[in-house]
Amino acid sequence: MSEQDLVNLLIAYLRLKRCFVWRQNQGGMRDRTNRFVRFCSQSGISDIIGMLPNGRFLAIEAKLPGNKPKPHQQEFLDAVNLTGGLALCVHSLEELQTELQRVGIEPRKG
């Protein structure tokens, strides 16, 4: 599974759980005049941005197993958590489900 496949899986799942989410592209490209244009001005913004069903801000950084956020990505996650949002770095759908259980969005199993 690629990181993009993981992002798509997480988005589909979150939408089933009535979360308003989208893929936040970051990066840039050169236009026809060779000027560099950025897609997003926020450094380190997470792969998935949105809101939980209760209106709480949500940011999810998706990483393949064994990988961790880069420093600027971790700074963004920390800032979201410090200001009352929910920011997570997850490596699988199961990890996301566990974190949503922890905050009361997903029913507990068992």
Protein backbone atom coordinates (compact mmCIF):
# COMPACT_ATOMS: atom_id res chain seq x y z
CA MET A 1 0.00 0.00 0.00
CA SER A 2 1.32 3.45 -0.88
CA GLU A 3 0.94 6.51 1.32
CA GLN A 4 -1.59 7.89 -1.18
CA ASP A 5 -3.60 4.65 -0.89
CA LEU A 6 -3.56 5.04 2.89
CA VAL A 7 -4.73 8.67 2.66
CA ASN A 8 -7.60 7.64 0.35
CA LEU A 9 -8.62 4.80 2.69
CA LEU A 10 -8.60 7.11 5.73
CA ILE A 11 -10.64 9.78 3.94
CA ALA A 12 -13.25 7.23 2.83
CA TYR A 13 -13.52 5.88 6.37
CA LEU A 14 -13.77 9.33 7.97
CA ARG A 15 -16.53 10.32 5.57
CA LEU A 16 -18.46 7.19 6.58
CA LYS A 17 -18.13 8.43 10.17
CA ARG A 18 -19.73 11.78 9.15
CA CYS A 19 -16.46 13.73 9.29
CA PHE A 20 -16.05 16.61 6.83
CA VAL A 21 -12.56 15.97 5.46
CA TRP A 22 -10.43 16.56 2.39
CA ARG A 23 -6.96 15.82 1.05
CA GLN A 24 -4.77 18.86 1.59
CA ASN A 25 -2.21 19.01 -1.18
CA GLN A 26 1.04 20.76 -0.45
CA GLY A 27 3.96 21.61 -2.65
CA GLY A 28 4.29 23.64 -5.77
CA MET A 29 5.23 23.84 -9.40
CA ARG A 30 6.59 26.19 -11.99
CA ASP A 31 4.02 28.03 -14.12
CA ARG A 32 4.37 28.95 -17.80
CA THR A 33 6.56 31.92 -16.91
CA ASN A 34 8.86 29.69 -14.81
CA ARG A 35 7.61 31.34 -11.59
CA PHE A 36 7.32 28.91 -8.64
CA VAL A 37 3.74 28.76 -7.30
CA ARG A 38 2.97 27.09 -3.96
CA PHE A 39 -0.24 25.09 -3.47
CA CYS A 40 -0.40 25.77 0.26
CA SER A 41 1.23 28.49 2.31
CA GLN A 42 1.07 26.58 5.63
CA SER A 43 4.30 24.68 6.21
CA GLY A 44 3.85 21.13 7.46
CA ILE A 45 0.08 21.00 6.96
CA SER A 46 -1.31 17.49 7.36
CA ASP A 47 -2.42 15.19 4.56
CA ILE A 48 -6.04 15.22 5.73
CA ILE A 49 -7.79 18.30 7.09
CA GLY A 50 -11.38 18.67 8.25
CA MET A 51 -13.82 18.53 11.11
CA LEU A 52 -15.16 15.81 13.36
CA PRO A 53 -18.97 15.44 13.58
CA ASN A 54 -18.92 17.62 16.74
CA GLY A 55 -17.19 20.47 14.88
CA ARG A 56 -13.73 19.92 16.33
CA PHE A 57 -10.87 20.63 13.91
CA LEU A 58 -9.14 17.51 12.62
CA ALA A 59 -5.68 17.07 11.09
CA ILE A 60 -4.24 13.69 10.16
CA GLU A 61 -0.74 12.99 8.92
CA ALA A 62 -0.68 9.61 7.16
CA LYS A 63 2.59 7.71 7.20
CA LEU A 64 3.58 4.24 6.11
CA PRO A 65 4.59 1.91 8.97
CA GLY A 66 8.02 2.77 10.34
CA ASN A 67 7.90 6.39 9.16
CA LYS A 68 7.32 9.41 11.36
CA PRO A 69 6.42 13.05 10.69
CA LYS A 70 9.13 15.46 9.61
CA PRO A 71 9.86 18.21 12.15
CA HIS A 72 7.70 20.83 10.39
CA GLN A 73 4.83 18.30 10.14
CA GLN A 74 5.12 17.50 13.86
CA GLU A 75 5.08 21.22 14.67
CA PHE A 76 1.78 21.56 12.77
CA LEU A 77 0.29 18.57 14.62
CA ASP A 78 1.43 19.99 17.97
CA ALA A 79 -0.06 23.41 17.16
CA VAL A 80 -3.43 21.87 16.29
CA ASN A 81 -3.49 19.83 19.51
CA LEU A 82 -2.46 22.85 21.62
CA THR A 83 -5.34 24.92 20.25
CA GLY A 84 -8.08 22.37 20.95
CA GLY A 85 -8.14 20.44 17.69
CA LEU A 86 -7.38 16.78 17.20
CA ALA A 87 -4.16 16.08 15.31
CA LEU A 88 -2.86 12.58 14.72
CA CYS A 89 -0.14 10.76 12.87
CA VAL A 90 -1.49 7.35 11.85
CA HIS A 91 0.04 4.41 10.00
CA SER A 92 -3.11 2.35 9.39
CA LEU A 93 -6.89 2.40 9.45
CA GLU A 94 -6.80 0.40 12.68
CA GLU A 95 -4.63 3.05 14.34
CA LEU A 96 -7.09 5.75 13.28
CA GLN A 97 -10.01 3.71 14.66
CA THR A 98 -8.20 3.32 18.00
CA GLU A 99 -7.56 7.07 18.21
CA LEU A 100 -11.18 7.87 17.35
CA GLN A 101 -12.30 5.46 20.09
CA ARG A 102 -10.03 7.29 22.53
CA VAL A 103 -11.81 10.60 21.86
CA GLY A 104 -15.31 9.09 21.73
CA ILE A 105 -15.98 9.30 17.98
CA GLU A 106 -15.80 5.56 17.29
CA PRO A 107 -17.65 3.04 19.47
CA ARG A 108 -15.40 0.78 21.50
CA LYS A 109 -15.08 -2.77 20.29
CA GLY A 110 -16.06 -5.70 22.45
